C-alpha cells in the first residue's frame, strides 16, 4: 500500500508516494536521488545511513519513511549549504577518512554530537552527570561516535577532527 508523504530534505520540500514498508534511507536514495546517506548494513549497526531527522540523529535504514512525513531531514550534503560545513573541512584536514564511504554518516553524527554536548546531554561515559556542562573529552567523542563504524580504521583521525570543531564551538576546553 502506498502513502503520500512530504519531507523537507536538505532544505527542499519534496513530496512522494512510498510503500508503507519503505525505509527513509531507501526513500532518500531510490526515490529522491539523495545519495549522501549510504546503505551499509541495512540493520542499523554501521551508521553509514545517519541523517538528522528534525535535528536528531537517526539511522535512516531503521526509520519507516511514512513515519517521517512532514519532517525535516538533513544529510551531510545538507549540512554544507553553499560552503562545506566546518566538519567537512576538519575531516579533510585531519585525514579522517580513507575510502570515504562512511564519511557522510560520520560527519552528520559528529554534528549531532556537538549539538548534544551543547545542550548538556550526558553520554554513557559522562563523569559528572549533574554538571551544567559536559566537557567533550576524547573518551566522550569516542563514545558518542561509537554507532558509526569505519572499515578503514580512520578512528584515530576522526576524534581530533571532531575535537577541533568542538574547541571552535566552545564545547571543549
N, C-alpha and C. Protein backbone atom coordinates (compact mmCIF):
# COMPACT_ATOMS: atom_id res chain seq x y z
N UNK A 1 0.84 -1.16 0.00
CA UNK A 1 0.00 0.00 0.00
C UNK A 1 0.90 1.24 0.00
N UNK A 2 0.63 2.17 -0.90
CA UNK A 2 1.40 3.41 -0.99
C UNK A 2 0.73 4.52 -0.20
N UNK A 3 1.59 5.41 0.33
CA UNK A 3 1.11 6.60 1.05
C UNK A 3 1.86 7.80 0.50
N UNK A 4 1.17 8.92 0.40
CA UNK A 4 1.81 10.16 0.01
C UNK A 4 2.43 10.80 1.25
N UNK A 5 3.71 11.20 1.11
CA UNK A 5 4.39 11.88 2.21
C UNK A 5 5.12 13.10 1.66
N UNK A 6 5.43 13.99 2.56
CA UNK A 6 6.22 15.17 2.22
C UNK A 6 7.37 15.27 3.22
N UNK A 7 8.56 15.47 2.70
CA UNK A 7 9.75 15.63 3.53
C UNK A 7 10.44 16.92 3.13
N UNK A 8 11.10 17.55 4.08
CA UNK A 8 11.98 18.65 3.74
C UNK A 8 13.39 18.08 3.81
N UNK A 9 13.98 17.85 2.65
CA UNK A 9 15.29 17.22 2.57
C UNK A 9 16.34 18.26 2.21
N UNK A 10 17.27 18.47 3.12
CA UNK A 10 18.36 19.43 2.92
C UNK A 10 17.82 20.79 2.48
N UNK A 11 16.69 21.17 3.08
CA UNK A 11 16.11 22.49 2.84
C UNK A 11 15.10 22.56 1.71
N UNK A 12 14.94 21.48 0.96
CA UNK A 12 13.98 21.47 -0.16
C UNK A 12 12.78 20.59 0.19
N UNK A 13 11.60 21.12 -0.02
CA UNK A 13 10.36 20.38 0.23
C UNK A 13 10.16 19.38 -0.90
N UNK A 14 9.98 18.10 -0.54
CA UNK A 14 9.84 17.03 -1.53
C UNK A 14 8.62 16.18 -1.18
N UNK A 15 7.78 15.93 -2.17
CA UNK A 15 6.60 15.07 -1.98
C UNK A 15 6.78 13.82 -2.82
N UNK A 16 6.35 12.70 -2.27
CA UNK A 16 6.47 11.44 -2.98
C UNK A 16 5.49 10.42 -2.41
N UNK A 17 5.23 9.39 -3.19
CA UNK A 17 4.42 8.26 -2.73
C UNK A 17 5.38 7.11 -2.43
N UNK A 18 5.20 6.51 -1.24
CA UNK A 18 6.06 5.40 -0.86
C UNK A 18 5.23 4.24 -0.36
N UNK A 19 5.72 3.04 -0.57
CA UNK A 19 5.15 1.86 0.04
C UNK A 19 5.34 2.02 1.55
N UNK A 20 4.39 1.61 2.34
CA UNK A 20 4.47 1.82 3.79
C UNK A 20 5.63 1.05 4.42
N UNK A 21 6.23 0.13 3.69
CA UNK A 21 7.38 -0.64 4.21
C UNK A 21 8.72 -0.02 3.82
N UNK A 22 8.72 1.08 3.11
CA UNK A 22 9.95 1.70 2.62
C UNK A 22 10.67 2.43 3.74
N UNK A 23 11.96 2.18 3.85
CA UNK A 23 12.76 2.88 4.86
C UNK A 23 13.02 4.31 4.38
N UNK A 24 13.32 5.18 5.32
CA UNK A 24 13.67 6.55 4.98
C UNK A 24 14.91 6.55 4.09
N UNK A 25 15.87 5.69 4.38
CA UNK A 25 17.08 5.60 3.55
C UNK A 25 16.73 5.27 2.11
N UNK A 26 15.88 4.28 1.89
CA UNK A 26 15.51 3.91 0.52
C UNK A 26 14.71 5.02 -0.15
N UNK A 27 13.86 5.71 0.60
CA UNK A 27 13.12 6.83 0.01
C UNK A 27 14.09 7.93 -0.43
N UNK A 28 15.07 8.23 0.42
CA UNK A 28 16.05 9.26 0.08
C UNK A 28 16.86 8.86 -1.15
N UNK A 29 17.41 7.67 -1.14
CA UNK A 29 18.33 7.25 -2.20
C UNK A 29 17.61 6.86 -3.49
N UNK A 30 16.61 6.00 -3.38
CA UNK A 30 15.99 5.41 -4.57
C UNK A 30 14.88 6.26 -5.15
N UNK A 31 14.17 6.98 -4.31
CA UNK A 31 13.03 7.75 -4.80
C UNK A 31 13.36 9.21 -5.03
N UNK A 32 14.25 9.77 -4.19
CA UNK A 32 14.56 11.20 -4.30
C UNK A 32 15.95 11.47 -4.88
N UNK A 33 16.76 10.43 -5.06
CA UNK A 33 18.08 10.61 -5.65
C UNK A 33 19.08 11.31 -4.75
N UNK A 34 18.82 11.31 -3.45
CA UNK A 34 19.73 11.90 -2.48
C UNK A 34 20.65 10.79 -1.99
N UNK A 35 21.89 10.81 -2.44
CA UNK A 35 22.78 9.67 -2.17
C UNK A 35 23.83 9.93 -1.10
N UNK A 36 23.72 11.02 -0.37
CA UNK A 36 24.70 11.31 0.69
C UNK A 36 24.66 10.23 1.77
N UNK A 37 23.49 9.88 2.26
CA UNK A 37 23.38 8.79 3.24
C UNK A 37 23.63 7.47 2.49
N UNK A 38 24.48 6.64 3.05
CA UNK A 38 24.88 5.39 2.38
C UNK A 38 24.17 4.19 2.99
N UNK A 39 23.99 3.17 2.15
CA UNK A 39 23.44 1.91 2.64
C UNK A 39 24.62 1.00 2.94
N UNK A 40 24.83 0.76 4.22
CA UNK A 40 25.94 -0.09 4.63
C UNK A 40 25.43 -1.46 5.01
N UNK A 41 24.87 -1.57 6.20
CA UNK A 41 24.43 -2.87 6.70
C UNK A 41 22.94 -3.09 6.54
N UNK A 42 22.16 -2.01 6.45
CA UNK A 42 20.71 -2.06 6.38
C UNK A 42 20.08 -2.68 7.63
N UNK A 43 20.84 -2.65 8.74
CA UNK A 43 20.36 -3.19 10.02
C UNK A 43 20.57 -2.23 11.18
N UNK A 44 21.00 -1.00 10.91
CA UNK A 44 21.22 -0.02 11.97
C UNK A 44 22.46 -0.24 12.78
N UNK A 45 23.42 -1.00 12.25
CA UNK A 45 24.61 -1.32 13.02
C UNK A 45 25.86 -0.55 12.61
N UNK A 46 25.86 0.09 11.44
CA UNK A 46 27.10 0.69 10.95
C UNK A 46 27.11 2.22 10.96
N UNK A 47 25.96 2.86 10.89
CA UNK A 47 25.89 4.31 10.93
C UNK A 47 26.12 5.02 9.61
N UNK A 48 26.37 4.28 8.54
CA UNK A 48 26.61 4.91 7.24
C UNK A 48 25.40 5.69 6.75
N UNK A 49 24.23 5.35 7.23
CA UNK A 49 22.99 5.98 6.79
C UNK A 49 22.52 7.10 7.72
N UNK A 50 23.38 7.54 8.65
CA UNK A 50 22.98 8.53 9.64
C UNK A 50 22.55 9.84 9.00
N UNK A 51 21.38 10.32 9.39
CA UNK A 51 20.87 11.63 8.99
C UNK A 51 20.30 12.31 10.23
N UNK A 52 20.04 13.59 10.12
CA UNK A 52 19.32 14.29 11.18
C UNK A 52 17.85 14.31 10.80
N UNK A 53 17.01 13.86 11.70
CA UNK A 53 15.56 13.86 11.49
C UNK A 53 15.00 14.84 12.52
N UNK A 54 14.53 15.98 12.03
CA UNK A 54 14.09 17.06 12.92
C UNK A 54 15.18 17.40 13.94
N UNK A 55 16.43 17.39 13.48
CA UNK A 55 17.56 17.81 14.31
C UNK A 55 18.20 16.74 15.16
N UNK A 56 17.64 15.52 15.18
CA UNK A 56 18.21 14.43 15.98
C UNK A 56 18.71 13.34 15.06
N UNK A 57 19.87 12.81 15.39
CA UNK A 57 20.44 11.78 14.50
C UNK A 57 19.69 10.47 14.60
N UNK A 58 19.52 9.85 13.45
CA UNK A 58 18.87 8.55 13.36
C UNK A 58 19.57 7.73 12.30
N UNK A 59 19.44 6.42 12.43
CA UNK A 59 19.86 5.52 11.35
C UNK A 59 18.68 5.44 10.39
N UNK A 60 18.82 6.06 9.24
CA UNK A 60 17.68 6.16 8.33
C UNK A 60 17.24 4.82 7.77
N UNK A 61 18.07 3.79 7.87
CA UNK A 61 17.65 2.46 7.41
C UNK A 61 16.64 1.84 8.36
N UNK A 62 16.53 2.37 9.59
CA UNK A 62 15.60 1.82 10.58
C UNK A 62 14.31 2.62 10.72
N UNK A 63 14.23 3.74 10.02
CA UNK A 63 13.05 4.61 10.12
C UNK A 63 12.16 4.38 8.91
N UNK A 64 10.89 4.09 9.14
CA UNK A 64 9.97 3.97 8.01
C UNK A 64 9.68 5.37 7.48
N UNK A 65 9.75 5.51 6.18
CA UNK A 65 9.56 6.82 5.55
C UNK A 65 8.22 7.44 5.93
N UNK A 66 7.18 6.63 6.05
CA UNK A 66 5.85 7.18 6.37
C UNK A 66 5.83 7.82 7.76
N UNK A 67 6.69 7.36 8.66
CA UNK A 67 6.72 7.96 10.00
C UNK A 67 7.44 9.30 10.00
N UNK A 68 8.14 9.61 8.93
CA UNK A 68 8.87 10.88 8.82
C UNK A 68 8.08 11.92 8.03
N UNK A 69 6.84 11.62 7.69
CA UNK A 69 6.02 12.56 6.93
C UNK A 69 5.99 13.91 7.62
N UNK A 70 6.33 14.95 6.89
CA UNK A 70 6.33 16.31 7.42
C UNK A 70 7.62 16.69 8.14
N UNK A 71 8.57 15.79 8.21
CA UNK A 71 9.80 16.03 8.96
C UNK A 71 10.87 16.73 8.12
N UNK A 72 11.82 17.29 8.84
CA UNK A 72 12.99 17.89 8.22
C UNK A 72 14.11 16.86 8.27
N UNK A 73 14.69 16.53 7.12
CA UNK A 73 15.77 15.56 7.02
C UNK A 73 17.02 16.29 6.54
N UNK A 74 18.11 16.13 7.29
CA UNK A 74 19.36 16.77 6.90
C UNK A 74 20.42 15.70 6.72
N UNK A 75 21.01 15.67 5.53
CA UNK A 75 22.11 14.76 5.24
C UNK A 75 23.42 15.53 5.35
N UNK A 76 24.51 14.85 5.12
CA UNK A 76 25.82 15.50 5.13
C UNK A 76 25.86 16.62 4.09
N UNK A 77 25.26 16.39 2.94
CA UNK A 77 25.19 17.43 1.91
C UNK A 77 24.42 18.64 2.42
N UNK A 78 23.37 18.41 3.16
CA UNK A 78 22.54 19.50 3.68
C UNK A 78 23.23 20.31 4.76
N UNK A 79 24.17 19.69 5.47
CA UNK A 79 24.94 20.44 6.46
C UNK A 79 25.79 21.51 5.77
N UNK A 80 26.20 21.21 4.55
CA UNK A 80 27.16 22.06 3.85
C UNK A 80 26.57 23.39 3.41
N UNK A 81 25.41 23.39 2.81
CA UNK A 81 24.87 24.63 2.25
C UNK A 81 25.72 25.06 1.07
N UNK A 82 26.03 26.35 1.00
CA UNK A 82 26.83 26.89 -0.11
C UNK A 82 28.32 26.54 0.03
N UNK A 83 28.78 26.45 1.26
CA UNK A 83 30.19 26.14 1.55
C UNK A 83 30.25 24.85 2.36
N UNK A 84 31.38 24.16 2.33
CA UNK A 84 31.50 22.96 3.17
C UNK A 84 31.28 23.31 4.65
N UNK A 85 30.66 22.41 5.36
CA UNK A 85 30.50 22.54 6.80
C UNK A 85 31.89 22.46 7.42
N UNK A 86 32.06 23.06 8.55
CA UNK A 86 33.38 23.04 9.20
C UNK A 86 33.85 21.62 9.48
N UNK A 87 32.94 20.71 9.79
CA UNK A 87 33.33 19.32 10.00
C UNK A 87 33.85 18.68 8.72
N UNK A 88 33.28 19.03 7.57
CA UNK A 88 33.81 18.52 6.31
C UNK A 88 35.28 18.93 6.17
N UNK A 89 35.55 20.17 6.50
CA UNK A 89 36.91 20.70 6.37
C UNK A 89 37.88 20.01 7.33
N UNK A 90 37.46 19.83 8.58
CA UNK A 90 38.38 19.20 9.53
C UNK A 90 38.57 17.72 9.23
N UNK A 91 37.56 17.06 8.68
CA UNK A 91 37.75 15.67 8.28
C UNK A 91 38.82 15.59 7.19
N UNK A 92 38.84 16.53 6.28
CA UNK A 92 39.88 16.57 5.25
C UNK A 92 41.22 16.93 5.87
N UNK A 93 41.23 17.98 6.69
CA UNK A 93 42.48 18.44 7.31
C UNK A 93 43.15 17.37 8.14
N UNK A 94 42.35 16.54 8.83
CA UNK A 94 42.89 15.51 9.72
C UNK A 94 42.95 14.14 9.05
N UNK A 95 42.67 14.08 7.76
CA UNK A 95 42.67 12.80 7.03
C UNK A 95 41.80 11.78 7.75
N UNK A 96 40.59 12.22 8.12
CA UNK A 96 39.67 11.40 8.91
C UNK A 96 38.76 10.56 8.02
N UNK A 97 39.27 10.14 6.92
CA UNK A 97 38.54 9.26 6.01
C UNK A 97 39.56 8.48 5.22
N UNK A 98 39.17 7.35 4.71
CA UNK A 98 40.04 6.58 3.82
C UNK A 98 39.29 6.42 2.50
N UNK A 99 38.39 5.43 2.46
CA UNK A 99 37.63 5.22 1.23
C UNK A 99 36.51 6.25 1.10
N UNK A 100 36.06 6.81 2.22
CA UNK A 100 35.04 7.84 2.21
C UNK A 100 33.61 7.34 2.29
N UNK A 101 33.41 6.03 2.28
CA UNK A 101 32.05 5.51 2.27
C UNK A 101 31.27 5.89 3.53
N UNK A 102 31.91 5.81 4.68
CA UNK A 102 31.24 6.11 5.94
C UNK A 102 31.24 7.60 6.28
N UNK A 103 32.02 8.39 5.55
CA UNK A 103 32.25 9.78 5.92
C UNK A 103 30.97 10.61 6.05
N UNK A 104 30.00 10.54 5.13
CA UNK A 104 28.79 11.35 5.32
C UNK A 104 28.07 11.04 6.64
N UNK A 105 27.96 9.77 6.98
CA UNK A 105 27.33 9.39 8.24
C UNK A 105 28.14 9.84 9.44
N UNK A 106 29.46 9.74 9.32
CA UNK A 106 30.35 10.19 10.41
C UNK A 106 30.20 11.69 10.63
N UNK A 107 30.15 12.47 9.55
CA UNK A 107 30.05 13.92 9.66
C UNK A 107 28.70 14.32 10.27
N UNK A 108 27.62 13.70 9.83
CA UNK A 108 26.30 14.01 10.40
C UNK A 108 26.28 13.64 11.88
N UNK A 109 26.83 12.48 12.22
CA UNK A 109 26.86 12.07 13.62
C UNK A 109 27.70 13.04 14.45
N UNK A 110 28.83 13.48 13.91
CA UNK A 110 29.69 14.44 14.62
C UNK A 110 28.95 15.76 14.86
N UNK A 111 28.20 16.21 13.87
CA UNK A 111 27.41 17.44 14.04
C UNK A 111 26.39 17.25 15.16
N UNK A 112 25.77 16.07 15.22
CA UNK A 112 24.81 15.78 16.28
C UNK A 112 25.50 15.71 17.64
N UNK A 113 26.69 15.14 17.69
CA UNK A 113 27.46 15.07 18.94
C UNK A 113 27.67 16.48 19.49
N UNK A 114 28.12 17.38 18.64
CA UNK A 114 28.38 18.75 19.08
C UNK A 114 27.10 19.42 19.60
N UNK A 115 25.98 19.16 18.94
CA UNK A 115 24.70 19.72 19.38
C UNK A 115 24.27 19.11 20.72
N UNK A 116 24.43 17.82 20.86
CA UNK A 116 24.05 17.14 22.11
C UNK A 116 24.86 17.68 23.28
N UNK A 117 26.15 17.85 23.08
CA UNK A 117 27.01 18.36 24.16
C UNK A 117 26.63 19.80 24.49
N UNK A 118 26.37 20.61 23.46
CA UNK A 118 25.97 22.00 23.69
C UNK A 118 24.67 22.07 24.49
N UNK A 119 23.81 21.08 24.33
CA UNK A 119 22.54 21.03 25.07
C UNK A 119 22.70 20.44 26.47
N UNK A 120 23.90 19.92 26.77
CA UNK A 120 24.16 19.35 28.09
C UNK A 120 23.72 17.91 28.25
N UNK A 121 23.50 17.20 27.14
CA UNK A 121 23.06 15.82 27.23
C UNK A 121 24.25 14.92 27.58
N UNK A 122 24.14 14.11 28.63
CA UNK A 122 25.25 13.22 29.00
C UNK A 122 25.29 11.99 28.10
N UNK A 123 26.43 11.31 28.15
CA UNK A 123 26.58 10.02 27.45
C UNK A 123 26.87 8.96 28.50
N UNK A 124 27.13 7.74 28.05
CA UNK A 124 27.43 6.65 28.97
C UNK A 124 28.75 6.86 29.71
N UNK A 125 29.63 7.71 29.19
CA UNK A 125 30.92 7.92 29.85
C UNK A 125 31.04 9.30 30.49
N UNK A 126 29.95 10.06 30.51
CA UNK A 126 29.99 11.37 31.15
C UNK A 126 30.25 11.17 32.64
N UNK A 127 31.32 11.81 33.14
CA UNK A 127 31.73 11.60 34.53
C UNK A 127 30.84 12.31 35.52
N UNK A 128 30.48 13.54 35.26
CA UNK A 128 29.70 14.32 36.21
C UNK A 128 28.30 14.56 35.63
N UNK A 129 27.37 13.70 35.98
CA UNK A 129 26.03 13.78 35.41
C UNK A 129 25.23 14.97 35.91
N UNK A 130 25.69 15.64 36.96
CA UNK A 130 24.96 16.79 37.46
C UNK A 130 25.60 18.11 37.03
N UNK A 131 26.67 18.03 36.27
CA UNK A 131 27.33 19.25 35.80
C UNK A 131 26.44 19.97 34.80
N UNK A 132 26.56 21.28 34.79
CA UNK A 132 25.78 22.06 33.81
C UNK A 132 26.32 21.88 32.40
N UNK A 133 27.59 21.50 32.32
CA UNK A 133 28.23 21.41 31.01
C UNK A 133 29.06 20.13 30.95
N UNK A 134 28.93 19.40 29.88
CA UNK A 134 29.73 18.20 29.66
C UNK A 134 30.97 18.61 28.88
N UNK A 135 32.15 18.26 29.40
CA UNK A 135 33.38 18.53 28.66
C UNK A 135 33.55 17.44 27.62
N UNK A 136 33.72 17.84 26.40
CA UNK A 136 33.83 16.87 25.30
C UNK A 136 35.26 16.34 25.22
N UNK A 137 35.54 15.37 26.06
CA UNK A 137 36.85 14.72 26.07
C UNK A 137 36.96 13.77 24.89
N UNK A 138 38.15 13.25 24.66
CA UNK A 138 38.32 12.24 23.61
C UNK A 138 37.45 11.02 23.89
N UNK A 139 37.36 10.64 25.16
CA UNK A 139 36.52 9.49 25.53
C UNK A 139 35.06 9.77 25.21
N UNK A 140 34.60 11.01 25.48
CA UNK A 140 33.23 11.39 25.13
C UNK A 140 33.01 11.30 23.62
N UNK A 141 33.95 11.80 22.85
CA UNK A 141 33.81 11.76 21.39
C UNK A 141 33.73 10.32 20.92
N UNK A 142 34.64 9.47 21.42
CA UNK A 142 34.64 8.06 21.01
C UNK A 142 33.31 7.39 21.34
N UNK A 143 32.80 7.61 22.56
CA UNK A 143 31.53 7.00 22.98
C UNK A 143 30.38 7.49 22.11
N UNK A 144 30.31 8.78 21.92
CA UNK A 144 29.20 9.36 21.17
C UNK A 144 29.25 9.01 19.69
N UNK A 145 30.42 8.73 19.17
CA UNK A 145 30.57 8.35 17.76
C UNK A 145 30.58 6.84 17.56
N UNK A 146 30.40 6.07 18.63
CA UNK A 146 30.56 4.61 18.55
C UNK A 146 29.51 3.91 17.68
N UNK A 147 28.45 4.58 17.34
CA UNK A 147 27.45 3.99 16.45
C UNK A 147 27.80 4.11 14.98
N UNK A 148 28.95 4.70 14.68
CA UNK A 148 29.39 4.85 13.31
C UNK A 148 30.68 4.07 13.12
N UNK A 149 30.62 3.07 12.25
CA UNK A 149 31.78 2.23 12.00
C UNK A 149 32.55 2.71 10.78
N UNK A 150 33.87 2.50 10.83
CA UNK A 150 34.74 2.80 9.70
C UNK A 150 35.56 1.56 9.43
N UNK A 151 35.35 0.94 8.30
CA UNK A 151 36.09 -0.29 7.96
C UNK A 151 37.55 -0.02 7.68
N UNK A 152 37.88 1.23 7.37
CA UNK A 152 39.27 1.59 7.06
C UNK A 152 40.04 2.02 8.30
N UNK A 153 39.38 2.08 9.44
CA UNK A 153 40.01 2.41 10.72
C UNK A 153 40.58 3.81 10.78
N UNK A 154 39.81 4.79 10.34
CA UNK A 154 40.24 6.19 10.41
C UNK A 154 39.89 6.82 11.76
N UNK A 155 39.52 5.99 12.74
CA UNK A 155 39.08 6.50 14.04
C UNK A 155 40.09 7.44 14.69
N UNK A 156 41.37 7.09 14.59
CA UNK A 156 42.41 7.91 15.22
C UNK A 156 42.41 9.33 14.69
N UNK A 157 41.90 9.53 13.49
CA UNK A 157 41.86 10.86 12.89
C UNK A 157 40.49 11.52 13.02
N UNK A 158 39.46 10.73 13.24
CA UNK A 158 38.11 11.27 13.39
C UNK A 158 38.00 12.04 14.71
N UNK A 159 38.55 11.49 15.78
CA UNK A 159 38.46 12.14 17.09
C UNK A 159 39.06 13.55 17.06
N UNK A 160 40.30 13.75 16.56
CA UNK A 160 40.82 15.12 16.52
C UNK A 160 40.07 16.04 15.55
N UNK A 161 39.48 15.47 14.51
CA UNK A 161 38.69 16.30 13.59
C UNK A 161 37.46 16.86 14.29
N UNK A 162 36.79 16.03 15.07
CA UNK A 162 35.61 16.47 15.83
C UNK A 162 36.06 17.40 16.96
N UNK A 163 37.15 17.07 17.61
CA UNK A 163 37.65 17.88 18.73
C UNK A 163 37.99 19.30 18.29
N UNK A 164 38.55 19.45 17.10
CA UNK A 164 38.92 20.78 16.62
C UNK A 164 37.68 21.67 16.49
N UNK A 165 36.61 21.12 15.94
CA UNK A 165 35.37 21.90 15.81
C UNK A 165 34.75 22.15 17.18
N UNK A 166 34.86 21.18 18.07
CA UNK A 166 34.34 21.34 19.43
C UNK A 166 35.01 22.52 20.14
N UNK A 167 36.31 22.66 19.96
CA UNK A 167 37.04 23.78 20.58
C UNK A 167 36.53 25.09 19.97
N UNK A 168 36.39 25.11 18.64
CA UNK A 168 35.91 26.33 17.96
C UNK A 168 34.51 26.72 18.41
N UNK A 169 33.67 25.72 18.72
CA UNK A 169 32.29 26.00 19.13
C UNK A 169 32.17 26.19 20.64
N UNK A 170 33.28 26.04 21.35
CA UNK A 170 33.26 26.27 22.79
C UNK A 170 32.68 25.15 23.61
N UNK A 171 32.60 23.93 23.07
CA UNK A 171 32.09 22.80 23.85
C UNK A 171 33.22 21.89 24.31
N UNK A 172 34.44 22.35 24.10
CA UNK A 172 35.62 21.63 24.58
C UNK A 172 36.67 22.68 24.96
N UNK A 173 37.28 22.46 26.11
CA UNK A 173 38.29 23.41 26.59
C UNK A 173 39.59 23.28 25.80
